[in-house]
Amino acid sequence: MDMITGKILKMNGWPEGKLIGLAKQAAEALSAQGFERAAILARLDEVRRDPGLYLADPRLADLARECLRQAPAAADSLSELRAAPLAYPVWGRAAIDAGSLAQMDHAMRLPVSVAGALMPDAHVGYGLPIGGVLATRNAVIPYAVGVDIACRMRLSVYAVSPVLLAQKPALFENALLDQTAFGMGAEWKGRRRPQHAVLDDPATALCVRLERAVVEKLQGDCHSPIAALAELSADGATVELRAAVAGREGRPPVIRASARQGVAEAEATVGVVMAQFEAQGAQKMLHGM
């Protein structure tokens, strides 16, 4: 099989510097998997033309990221959408509703968008589907969020080799299935514990409970412009609850409320915050009430 050299890459339009080095590495990875020279050069051209599609490919991701970094800023007017959305990878397309795909397509038509992806759990959000990822150049889009309520993740690091995952896949698959409650209204019952030290600690549970209480009392849902953040002090003696509400569809103005209490009286912060919101007309802003 012919080796793809730097000279060959330059003849195909790859510039000197870091980019050509990464292109050569990607070519070697593709060659090791049996790709012929013509197919490799064609694939590299695809990465250069549309790098966002290859950010999840371990053989081509470094090259794709560098192509995005070196790409010139879009010349399009920021007031004009692209005629068609940029291509983006979708995992589990068959189970994703048309509204989520349409919302992601619209985001990928923005002139500042450079890459995107849609996960299997995608469903319609605010300016971007929940489960959607959007990369933009020289722009931050606060509206490009899904706004799901109280989603939590936690990373646990174990003192074992990752090789064990490949050696005993069934063990870990069964552990996830057995120790996770899925679906609307799912809960642990009887002797099954609703808490576990790996996923729950008292400080985090307290903060999340206060944040959820604000959203609940404001009758919020996935599309309500409500923010709530509870934080313990460094010594763990007090908790501060801060919250904000905007008008329907995220329109201004934004009103704010906050309260601080000792941890033993933490629940009282919710009442104080709600009283401040009531005085500022939060319910009318959110629901027209």
C-alpha atoms as a PDB file:
ATOM      1  CA  MET A   1       0.000   0.000   0.000  1.00  0.00           C
ATOM      2  CA  ASP A   2       1.453   3.405  -1.003  1.00  0.00           C
ATOM      3  CA  MET A   3       2.444   5.714   1.831  1.00  0.00           C
ATOM      4  CA  ILE A   4       0.849   9.146   1.844  1.00  0.00           C
ATOM      5  CA  THR A   5       3.687  11.610   2.349  1.00  0.00           C
ATOM      6  CA  GLY A   6       3.686  15.273   3.184  1.00  0.00           C
ATOM      7  CA  LYS A   7       4.551  15.994  -0.462  1.00  0.00           C
ATOM      8  CA  ILE A   8       1.431  14.163  -1.648  1.00  0.00           C
ATOM      9  CA  LEU A   9      -0.699  16.063   0.837  1.00  0.00           C
ATOM     10  CA  LYS A  10       0.739  19.407  -0.305  1.00  0.00           C
ATOM     11  CA  MET A  11      -0.074  18.458  -3.897  1.00  0.00           C
ATOM     12  CA  ASN A  12      -3.656  17.947  -2.719  1.00  0.00           C
ATOM     13  CA  GLY A  13      -3.855  21.418  -1.217  1.00  0.00           C
ATOM     14  CA  TRP A  14      -2.895  20.788   2.410  1.00  0.00           C
ATOM     15  CA  PRO A  15      -0.900  23.737   3.832  1.00  0.00           C
ATOM     16  CA  GLU A  16       2.428  23.489   5.650  1.00  0.00           C
ATOM     17  CA  GLY A  17       2.382  23.453   9.442  1.00  0.00           C
ATOM     18  CA  LYS A  18       0.363  21.679  12.091  1.00  0.00           C
ATOM     19  CA  LEU A  19      -2.531  20.900   9.759  1.00  0.00           C
ATOM     20  CA  ILE A  20      -0.480  18.816   7.335  1.00  0.00           C
ATOM     21  CA  GLY A  21       1.095  16.923  10.226  1.00  0.00           C
ATOM     22  CA  LEU A  22      -2.314  15.989  11.595  1.00  0.00           C
ATOM     23  CA  ALA A  23      -3.522  15.082   8.102  1.00  0.00           C
ATOM     24  CA  LYS A  24      -0.552  12.732   7.747  1.00  0.00           C
ATOM     25  CA  GLN A  25      -1.339  11.098  11.105  1.00  0.00           C
ATOM     26  CA  ALA A  26      -4.968  10.652  10.096  1.00  0.00           C
ATOM     27  CA  ALA A  27      -3.871   9.147   6.774  1.00  0.00           C
ATOM     28  CA  GLU A  28      -1.670   6.643   8.606  1.00  0.00           C
ATOM     29  CA  ALA A  29      -4.591   5.656  10.869  1.00  0.00           C
ATOM     30  CA  LEU A  30      -6.868   5.115   7.876  1.00  0.00           C
ATOM     31  CA  SER A  31      -4.157   3.202   6.024  1.00  0.00           C
ATOM     32  CA  ALA A  32      -3.704   0.884   9.010  1.00  0.00           C
ATOM     33  CA  GLN A  33      -7.401   0.018   8.696  1.00  0.00           C
ATOM     34  CA  GLY A  34      -7.045  -0.972   5.042  1.00  0.00           C
ATOM     35  CA  PHE A  35      -8.083   2.199   3.221  1.00  0.00           C
ATOM     36  CA  GLU A  36      -6.535   2.707  -0.231  1.00  0.00           C
ATOM     37  CA  ARG A  37      -4.719   5.929  -1.122  1.00  0.00           C
ATOM     38  CA  ALA A  38      -7.568   7.412  -3.171  1.00  0.00           C
ATOM     39  CA  ALA A  39     -10.098   6.696  -0.426  1.00  0.00           C
ATOM     40  CA  ILE A  40      -7.822   8.219   2.217  1.00  0.00           C
ATOM     41  CA  LEU A  41      -7.285  11.434   0.248  1.00  0.00           C
ATOM     42  CA  ALA A  42     -11.017  11.681  -0.410  1.00  0.00           C
ATOM     43  CA  ARG A  43     -11.800  11.218   3.291  1.00  0.00           C
ATOM     44  CA  LEU A  44      -9.249  13.851   4.294  1.00  0.00           C
ATOM     45  CA  ASP A  45     -10.850  16.282   1.841  1.00  0.00           C
ATOM     46  CA  GLU A  46     -14.236  15.549   3.434  1.00  0.00           C
ATOM     47  CA  VAL A  47     -12.808  16.402   6.865  1.00  0.00           C
ATOM     48  CA  ARG A  48     -11.364  19.657   5.548  1.00  0.00           C
ATOM     49  CA  ARG A  49     -14.657  20.559   3.845  1.00  0.00           C
ATOM     50  CA  ASP A  50     -16.973  19.688   6.773  1.00  0.00           C
ATOM     51  CA  PRO A  51     -14.899  19.064   9.936  1.00  0.00           C
ATOM     52  CA  GLY A  52     -17.869  19.128  12.303  1.00  0.00           C
ATOM     53  CA  LEU A  53     -18.971  15.720  11.015  1.00  0.00           C
ATOM     54  CA  TYR A  54     -15.747  14.072  12.162  1.00  0.00           C
ATOM     55  CA  LEU A  55     -15.305  15.378  15.702  1.00  0.00           C
ATOM     56  CA  ALA A  56     -16.538  12.058  17.104  1.00  0.00           C
ATOM     57  CA  ASP A  57     -14.236   9.928  14.903  1.00  0.00           C
ATOM     58  CA  PRO A  58     -11.134   9.003  16.962  1.00  0.00           C
ATOM     59  CA  ARG A  59      -9.044   8.660  13.790  1.00  0.00           C
ATOM     60  CA  LEU A  60      -9.954  12.110  12.464  1.00  0.00           C
ATOM     61  CA  ALA A  61     -11.020  14.180  15.489  1.00  0.00           C
ATOM     62  CA  ASP A  62      -7.664  15.967  15.995  1.00  0.00           C
ATOM     63  CA  LEU A  63      -7.539  16.938  12.337  1.00  0.00           C
ATOM     64  CA  ALA A  64     -11.176  18.075  12.395  1.00  0.00           C
ATOM     65  CA  ARG A  65     -10.591  20.280  15.461  1.00  0.00           C
ATOM     66  CA  GLU A  66      -7.563  21.927  13.843  1.00  0.00           C
ATOM     67  CA  CYS A  67      -9.513  22.502  10.626  1.00  0.00           C
ATOM     68  CA  LEU A  68     -12.211  24.252  12.654  1.00  0.00           C
ATOM     69  CA  ARG A  69      -9.615  26.330  14.510  1.00  0.00           C
ATOM     70  CA  GLN A  70      -7.909  27.492  11.324  1.00  0.00           C
ATOM     71  CA  ALA A  71     -11.041  28.039   9.265  1.00  0.00           C
ATOM     72  CA  PRO A  72     -11.592  31.702   8.351  1.00  0.00           C
ATOM     73  CA  ALA A  73     -14.491  33.465  10.008  1.00  0.00           C
ATOM     74  CA  ALA A  74     -17.746  33.114   8.142  1.00  0.00           C
ATOM     75  CA  ALA A  75     -18.217  35.873   5.613  1.00  0.00           C
ATOM     76  CA  ASP A  76     -21.993  35.524   5.749  1.00  0.00           C
ATOM     77  CA  SER A  77     -23.976  38.346   7.257  1.00  0.00           C
ATOM     78  CA  LEU A  78     -24.912  37.513  10.845  1.00  0.00           C
ATOM     79  CA  SER A  79     -28.503  38.378   9.971  1.00  0.00           C
ATOM     80  CA  GLU A  80     -28.732  35.720   7.255  1.00  0.00           C
ATOM     81  CA  LEU A  81     -29.292  32.024   7.813  1.00  0.00           C
ATOM     82  CA  ARG A  82     -27.588  29.434   5.665  1.00  0.00           C
ATOM     83  CA  ALA A  83     -29.760  28.094   2.858  1.00  0.00           C
ATOM     84  CA  ALA A  84     -29.345  24.587   4.283  1.00  0.00           C
ATOM     85  CA  PRO A  85     -28.141  23.315   7.688  1.00  0.00           C
ATOM     86  CA  LEU A  86     -24.608  22.027   8.125  1.00  0.00           C
ATOM     87  CA  ALA A  87     -24.491  18.245   8.344  1.00  0.00           C
ATOM     88  CA  TYR A  88     -24.189  16.832  11.868  1.00  0.00           C
ATOM     89  CA  PRO A  89     -24.135  13.324  13.386  1.00  0.00           C
ATOM     90  CA  VAL A  90     -27.309  11.954  14.995  1.00  0.00           C
ATOM     91  CA  TRP A  91     -27.325   8.981  17.350  1.00  0.00           C
ATOM     92  CA  GLY A  92     -30.612   7.051  17.489  1.00  0.00           C
ATOM     93  CA  ARG A  93     -32.307   9.021  14.704  1.00  0.00           C
ATOM     94  CA  ALA A  94     -35.185   6.539  14.399  1.00  0.00           C
ATOM     95  CA  ALA A  95     -36.388   7.318  17.926  1.00  0.00           C
ATOM     96  CA  ILE A  96     -36.009  11.129  17.761  1.00  0.00           C
ATOM     97  CA  ASP A  97     -39.114  13.216  17.042  1.00  0.00           C
ATOM     98  CA  ALA A  98     -39.348  15.455  13.989  1.00  0.00           C
ATOM     99  CA  GLY A  99     -39.581  18.620  16.126  1.00  0.00           C
ATOM    100  CA  SER A 100     -36.175  18.007  17.712  1.00  0.00           C
ATOM    101  CA  LEU A 101     -34.564  17.352  14.320  1.00  0.00           C
ATOM    102  CA  ALA A 102     -36.134  20.514  12.911  1.00  0.00           C
ATOM    103  CA  GLN A 103     -34.925  22.553  15.879  1.00  0.00           C
ATOM    104  CA  MET A 104     -31.384  21.221  15.467  1.00  0.00           C
ATOM    105  CA  ASP A 105     -31.492  21.853  11.707  1.00  0.00           C
ATOM    106  CA  HIS A 106     -32.453  25.458  12.379  1.00  0.00           C
ATOM    107  CA  ALA A 107     -29.518  25.893  14.783  1.00  0.00           C
ATOM    108  CA  MET A 108     -27.156  24.450  12.183  1.00  0.00           C
ATOM    109  CA  ARG A 109     -28.300  27.105   9.687  1.00  0.00           C
ATOM    110  CA  LEU A 110     -26.888  29.895  11.857  1.00  0.00           C
ATOM    111  CA  PRO A 111     -23.869  31.522  10.173  1.00  0.00           C
ATOM    112  CA  VAL A 112     -21.881  31.235  13.437  1.00  0.00           C
ATOM    113  CA  SER A 113     -22.490  27.484  13.785  1.00  0.00           C
ATOM    114  CA  VAL A 114     -19.543  25.256  12.882  1.00  0.00           C
ATOM    115  CA  ALA A 115     -20.504  21.828  14.261  1.00  0.00           C
ATOM    116  CA  GLY A 116     -23.279  20.038  16.103  1.00  0.00           C
ATOM    117  CA  ALA A 117     -24.578  16.673  17.242  1.00  0.00           C
ATOM    118  CA  LEU A 118     -27.809  15.143  18.506  1.00  0.00           C
ATOM    119  CA  MET A 119     -27.932  12.481  21.231  1.00  0.00           C
ATOM    120  CA  PRO A 120     -30.422   9.562  21.497  1.00  0.00           C
ATOM    121  CA  ASP A 121     -32.369  11.252  24.332  1.00  0.00           C
ATOM    122  CA  ALA A 122     -33.115  14.365  22.257  1.00  0.00           C
ATOM    123  CA  HIS A 123     -36.430  16.160  22.724  1.00  0.00           C
ATOM    124  CA  VAL A 124     -37.585  19.707  21.984  1.00  0.00           C
ATOM    125  CA  GLY A 125     -36.024  22.339  24.202  1.00  0.00           C
ATOM    126  CA  TYR A 126     -35.722  26.138  24.108  1.00  0.00           C
ATOM    127  CA  GLY A 127     -33.357  27.298  21.376  1.00  0.00           C
ATOM    128  CA  LEU A 128     -31.744  23.872  21.044  1.00  0.00           C
ATOM    129  CA  PRO A 129     -33.055  20.357  21.672  1.00  0.00           C
ATOM    130  CA  ILE A 130     -32.332  18.794  25.036  1.00  0.00           C
ATOM    131  CA  GLY A 131     -29.642  16.319  24.076  1.00  0.00           C
ATOM    132  CA  GLY A 132     -28.273  18.651  21.388  1.00  0.00           C
ATOM    133  CA  VAL A 133     -24.708  19.997  21.142  1.00  0.00           C
ATOM    134  CA  LEU A 134     -23.825  23.136  19.185  1.00  0.00           C
ATOM    135  CA  ALA A 135     -20.355  24.598  18.511  1.00  0.00           C
ATOM    136  CA  THR A 136     -20.152  28.215  17.347  1.00  0.00           C
ATOM    137  CA  ARG A 137     -17.320  30.474  16.247  1.00  0.00           C
ATOM    138  CA  ASN A 138     -16.741  33.774  18.081  1.00  0.00           C
ATOM    139  CA  ALA A 139     -20.250  33.677  19.519  1.00  0.00           C
ATOM    140  CA  VAL A 140     -22.048  32.660  22.704  1.00  0.00           C
ATOM    141  CA  ILE A 141     -25.780  31.912  22.397  1.00  0.00           C
ATOM    142  CA  PRO A 142     -27.532  31.913  25.821  1.00  0.00           C
ATOM    143  CA  TYR A 143     -30.787  30.834  24.148  1.00  0.00           C
ATOM    144  CA  ALA A 144     -29.213  27.683  22.664  1.00  0.00           C
ATOM    145  CA  VAL A 145     -30.134  25.516  25.633  1.00  0.00           C
ATOM    146  CA  GLY A 146     -32.569  22.698  26.266  1.00  0.00           C
ATOM    147  CA  VAL A 147     -33.550  23.688  29.842  1.00  0.00           C
ATOM    148  CA  ASP A 148     -34.343  20.289  31.304  1.00  0.00           C
ATOM    149  CA  ILE A 149     -35.256  20.368  35.007  1.00  0.00           C
ATOM    150  CA  ALA A 150     -32.918  19.105  37.730  1.00  0.00           C
ATOM    151  CA  CYS A 151     -30.889  16.736  35.563  1.00  0.00           C
ATOM    152  CA  ARG A 152     -27.877  15.510  37.492  1.00  0.00           C
ATOM    153  CA  MET A 153     -24.689  13.625  36.681  1.00  0.00           C
ATOM    154  CA  ARG A 154     -21.916  12.443  38.905  1.00  0.00           C
ATOM    155  CA  LEU A 155     -18.516  10.994  38.059  1.00  0.00           C
ATOM    156  CA  SER A 156     -17.064   8.332  40.333  1.00  0.00           C
ATOM    157  CA  VAL A 157     -13.411   7.312  39.993  1.00  0.00           C
ATOM    158  CA  TYR A 158     -12.578   3.752  41.021  1.00  0.00           C
ATOM    159  CA  ALA A 159      -9.152   2.314  41.843  1.00  0.00           C
ATOM    160  CA  VAL A 160      -9.383  -0.402  39.180  1.00  0.00           C
ATOM    161  CA  SER A 161      -8.071  -0.704  35.638  1.00  0.00           C
ATOM    162  CA  PRO A 162     -10.455   0.249  32.799  1.00  0.00           C
ATOM    163  CA  VAL A 163      -9.439  -3.071  31.247  1.00  0.00           C
ATOM    164  CA  LEU A 164     -11.926  -4.624  33.676  1.00  0.00           C
ATOM    165  CA  LEU A 165     -14.796  -3.022  31.706  1.00  0.00           C
ATOM    166  CA  ALA A 166     -13.909  -5.058  28.637  1.00  0.00           C
ATOM    167  CA  GLN A 167     -13.263  -8.219  30.637  1.00  0.00           C
ATOM    168  CA  LYS A 168     -16.625  -8.268  32.408  1.00  0.00           C
ATOM    169  CA  PRO A 169     -19.114  -6.222  30.345  1.00  0.00           C
ATOM    170  CA  ALA A 170     -22.166  -8.198  31.507  1.00  0.00           C
ATOM    171  CA  LEU A 171     -21.348  -7.471  35.154  1.00  0.00           C
ATOM    172  CA  PHE A 172     -21.430  -3.710  34.595  1.00  0.00           C
ATOM    173  CA  GLU A 173     -24.414  -3.781  32.238  1.00  0.00           C
ATOM    174  CA  ASN A 174     -26.451  -5.694  34.803  1.00  0.00           C
ATOM    175  CA  ALA A 175     -25.332  -3.346  37.566  1.00  0.00           C
ATOM    176  CA  LEU A 176     -26.654  -0.340  35.597  1.00  0.00           C
ATOM    177  CA  LEU A 177     -29.947  -2.052  34.796  1.00  0.00           C
ATOM    178  CA  ASP A 178     -30.422  -3.266  38.355  1.00  0.00           C
ATOM    179  CA  GLN A 179     -29.445  -0.044  40.122  1.00  0.00           C
ATOM    180  CA  THR A 180     -31.209   2.528  37.912  1.00  0.00           C
ATOM    181  CA  ALA A 181     -34.885   3.505  37.926  1.00  0.00           C
ATOM    182  CA  PHE A 182     -36.093   4.656  34.485  1.00  0.00           C
ATOM    183  CA  GLY A 183     -39.236   6.338  33.247  1.00  0.00           C
ATOM    184  CA  MET A 184     -41.950   8.734  34.377  1.00  0.00           C
ATOM    185  CA  GLY A 185     -42.712   8.259  38.077  1.00  0.00           C
ATOM    186  CA  ALA A 186     -40.065   5.550  38.508  1.00  0.00           C
ATOM    187  CA  GLU A 187     -38.897   5.167  42.096  1.00  0.00           C
ATOM    188  CA  TRP A 188     -37.324   2.727  44.503  1.00  0.00           C
ATOM    189  CA  LYS A 189     -39.833   0.955  46.730  1.00  0.00           C
ATOM    190  CA  GLY A 190     -39.748  -1.332  49.726  1.00  0.00           C
ATOM    191  CA  ARG A 191     -36.261  -2.226  50.811  1.00  0.00           C
ATOM    192  CA  ARG A 192     -34.634  -0.726  47.709  1.00  0.00           C
ATOM    193  CA  ARG A 193     -32.709   2.331  48.813  1.00  0.00           C
ATOM    194  CA  PRO A 194     -33.558   5.638  47.083  1.00  0.00           C
ATOM    195  CA  GLN A 195     -30.150   7.047  48.028  1.00  0.00           C
ATOM    196  CA  HIS A 196     -26.632   5.750  47.647  1.00  0.00           C
ATOM    197  CA  ALA A 197     -23.355   7.318  48.721  1.00  0.00           C
ATOM    198  CA  VAL A 198     -22.047   7.217  45.146  1.00  0.00           C
ATOM    199  CA  LEU A 199     -24.863   9.392  43.801  1.00  0.00           C
ATOM    200  CA  ASP A 200     -26.114  11.327  46.819  1.00  0.00           C
ATOM    201  CA  ASP A 201     -24.428  13.438  49.441  1.00  0.00           C
ATOM    202  CA  PRO A 202     -26.349  15.514  51.980  1.00  0.00           C
ATOM    203  CA  ALA A 203     -25.014  18.912  50.874  1.00  0.00           C
ATOM    204  CA  THR A 204     -25.864  18.398  47.199  1.00  0.00           C
ATOM    205  CA  ALA A 205     -29.248  16.876  48.047  1.00  0.00           C
ATOM    206  CA  LEU A 206     -30.136  19.924  50.170  1.00  0.00           C
ATOM    207  CA  CYS A 207     -29.186  22.397  47.436  1.00  0.00           C
ATOM    208  CA  VAL A 208     -31.064  20.497  44.739  1.00  0.00           C
ATOM    209  CA  ARG A 209     -34.148  20.249  46.978  1.00  0.00           C
ATOM    210  CA  LEU A 210     -34.230  24.042  47.434  1.00  0.00           C
ATOM    211  CA  GLU A 211     -33.703  24.699  43.720  1.00  0.00           C
ATOM    212  CA  ARG A 212     -36.474  22.293  42.749  1.00  0.00           C
ATOM    213  CA  ALA A 213     -38.814  23.851  45.300  1.00  0.00           C
ATOM    214  CA  VAL A 214     -38.478  27.259  43.624  1.00  0.00           C
ATOM    215  CA  VAL A 215     -39.280  25.807  40.185  1.00  0.00           C
ATOM    216  CA  GLU A 216     -42.237  23.863  41.602  1.00  0.00           C
ATOM    217  CA  LYS A 217     -43.748  26.823  43.435  1.00  0.00           C
ATOM    218  CA  LEU A 218     -43.422  28.941  40.294  1.00  0.00           C
ATOM    219  CA  GLN A 219     -45.204  26.153  38.374  1.00  0.00           C
ATOM    220  CA  GLY A 220     -42.259  25.924  36.013  1.00  0.00           C
ATOM    221  CA  ASP A 221     -41.589  23.319  33.358  1.00  0.00           C
ATOM    222  CA  CYS A 222     -38.856  22.530  30.811  1.00  0.00           C
ATOM    223  CA  HIS A 223     -39.653  25.720  28.903  1.00  0.00           C
ATOM    224  CA  SER A 224     -39.902  28.171  31.812  1.00  0.00           C
ATOM    225  CA  PRO A 225     -37.183  30.873  32.005  1.00  0.00           C
ATOM    226  CA  ILE A 226     -36.382  30.175  35.660  1.00  0.00           C
ATOM    227  CA  ALA A 227     -32.922  29.937  37.229  1.00  0.00           C
ATOM    228  CA  ALA A 228     -32.234  28.738  40.775  1.00  0.00           C
ATOM    229  CA  LEU A 229     -28.923  28.098  42.510  1.00  0.00           C
ATOM    230  CA  ALA A 230     -28.384  27.052  46.124  1.00  0.00           C
ATOM    231  CA  GLU A 231     -24.874  27.024  47.588  1.00  0.00           C
ATOM    232  CA  LEU A 232     -23.475  26.150  51.001  1.00  0.00           C
ATOM    233  CA  SER A 233     -20.943  28.451  52.604  1.00  0.00           C
ATOM    234  CA  ALA A 234     -17.344  27.231  52.838  1.00  0.00           C
ATOM    235  CA  ASP A 235     -17.830  26.202  56.472  1.00  0.00           C
ATOM    236  CA  GLY A 236     -21.143  24.479  55.696  1.00  0.00           C
ATOM    237  CA  ALA A 237     -22.994  26.566  58.281  1.00  0.00           C
ATOM    238  CA  THR A 238     -25.271  28.583  55.985  1.00  0.00           C
ATOM    239  CA  VAL A 239     -26.967  28.168  52.629  1.00  0.00           C
ATOM    240  CA  GLU A 240     -27.702  30.898  50.071  1.00  0.00           C
ATOM    241  CA  LEU A 241     -30.502  30.512  47.538  1.00  0.00           C
ATOM    242  CA  ARG A 242     -30.490  32.779  44.484  1.00  0.00           C
ATOM    243  CA  ALA A 243     -33.092  32.717  41.725  1.00  0.00           C
ATOM    244  CA  ALA A 244     -34.104  34.649  38.635  1.00  0.00           C
ATOM    245  CA  VAL A 245     -37.182  34.778  36.406  1.00  0.00           C
ATOM    246  CA  ALA A 246     -37.626  36.245  32.925  1.00  0.00           C
ATOM    247  CA  GLY A 247     -40.752  36.907  30.906  1.00  0.00           C
ATOM    248  CA  ARG A 248     -42.374  34.261  28.758  1.00  0.00           C
ATOM    249  CA  GLU A 249     -40.109  32.965  25.975  1.00  0.00           C
ATOM    250  CA  GLY A 250     -37.160  34.503  27.811  1.00  0.00           C
ATOM    251  CA  ARG A 251     -38.158  38.111  27.199  1.00  0.00           C
ATOM    252  CA  PRO A 252     -36.903  40.882  29.517  1.00  0.00           C
ATOM    253  CA  PRO A 253     -37.068  42.089  32.156  1.00  0.00           C
ATOM    254  CA  VAL A 254     -35.277  39.638  34.456  1.00  0.00           C
ATOM    255  CA  ILE A 255     -36.208  39.800  38.136  1.00  0.00           C
ATOM    256  CA  ARG A 256     -34.079  38.336  40.930  1.00  0.00           C
ATOM    257  CA  ALA A 257     -34.498  37.139  44.494  1.00  0.00           C
ATOM    258  CA  SER A 258     -32.161  35.743  47.130  1.00  0.00           C
ATOM    259  CA  ALA A 259     -32.090  34.567  50.731  1.00  0.00           C
ATOM    260  CA  ARG A 260     -29.564  33.199  53.218  1.00  0.00           C
ATOM    261  CA  GLN A 261     -30.247  31.025  56.265  1.00  0.00           C
ATOM    262  CA  GLY A 262     -28.490  28.659  58.613  1.00  0.00           C
ATOM    263  CA  VAL A 263     -28.501  25.091  57.330  1.00  0.00           C
ATOM    264  CA  ALA A 264     -31.007  24.037  59.993  1.00  0.00           C
ATOM    265  CA  GLU A 265     -33.496  26.595  58.605  1.00  0.00           C
ATOM    266  CA  ALA A 266     -32.539  26.106  54.939  1.00  0.00           C
ATOM    267  CA  GLU A 267     -36.108  25.448  53.789  1.00  0.00           C
ATOM    268  CA  ALA A 268     -37.061  28.962  54.902  1.00  0.00           C
ATOM    269  CA  THR A 269     -34.997  30.413  52.039  1.00  0.00           C
ATOM    270  CA  VAL A 270     -37.636  29.194  49.586  1.00  0.00           C
ATOM    271  CA  GLY A 271     -40.388  31.173  51.341  1.00  0.00           C
ATOM    272  CA  VAL A 272     -38.269  34.342  51.391  1.00  0.00           C
ATOM    273  CA  VAL A 273     -37.409  34.023  47.700  1.00  0.00           C
ATOM    274  CA  MET A 274     -41.037  33.394  46.750  1.00  0.00           C
ATOM    275  CA  ALA A 275     -42.192  36.421  48.728  1.00  0.00           C
ATOM    276  CA  GLN A 276     -39.725  38.589  46.811  1.00  0.00           C
ATOM    277  CA  PHE A 277     -40.910  37.128  43.508  1.00  0.00           C
ATOM    278  CA  GLU A 278     -44.558  37.678  44.426  1.00  0.00           C
ATOM    279  CA  ALA A 279     -43.861  41.330  45.152  1.00  0.00           C
ATOM    280  CA  GLN A 280     -42.227  41.687  41.710  1.00  0.00           C
ATOM    281  CA  GLY A 281     -45.037  39.934  39.783  1.00  0.00           C
ATOM    282  CA  ALA A 282     -43.200  36.726  38.842  1.00  0.00           C
ATOM    283  CA  GLN A 283     -46.349  34.671  38.234  1.00  0.00           C
ATOM    284  CA  LYS A 284     -47.731  37.254  35.819  1.00  0.00           C
ATOM    285  CA  MET A 285     -44.433  37.335  33.926  1.00  0.00           C
ATOM    286  CA  LEU A 286     -44.380  33.541  33.607  1.00  0.00           C
ATOM    287  CA  HIS A 287     -48.036  32.679  33.162  1.00  0.00           C
ATOM    288  CA  GLY A 288     -49.905  35.915  32.537  1.00  0.00           C
ATOM    289  CA  MET A 289     -51.715  35.447  35.858  1.00  0.00           C
END
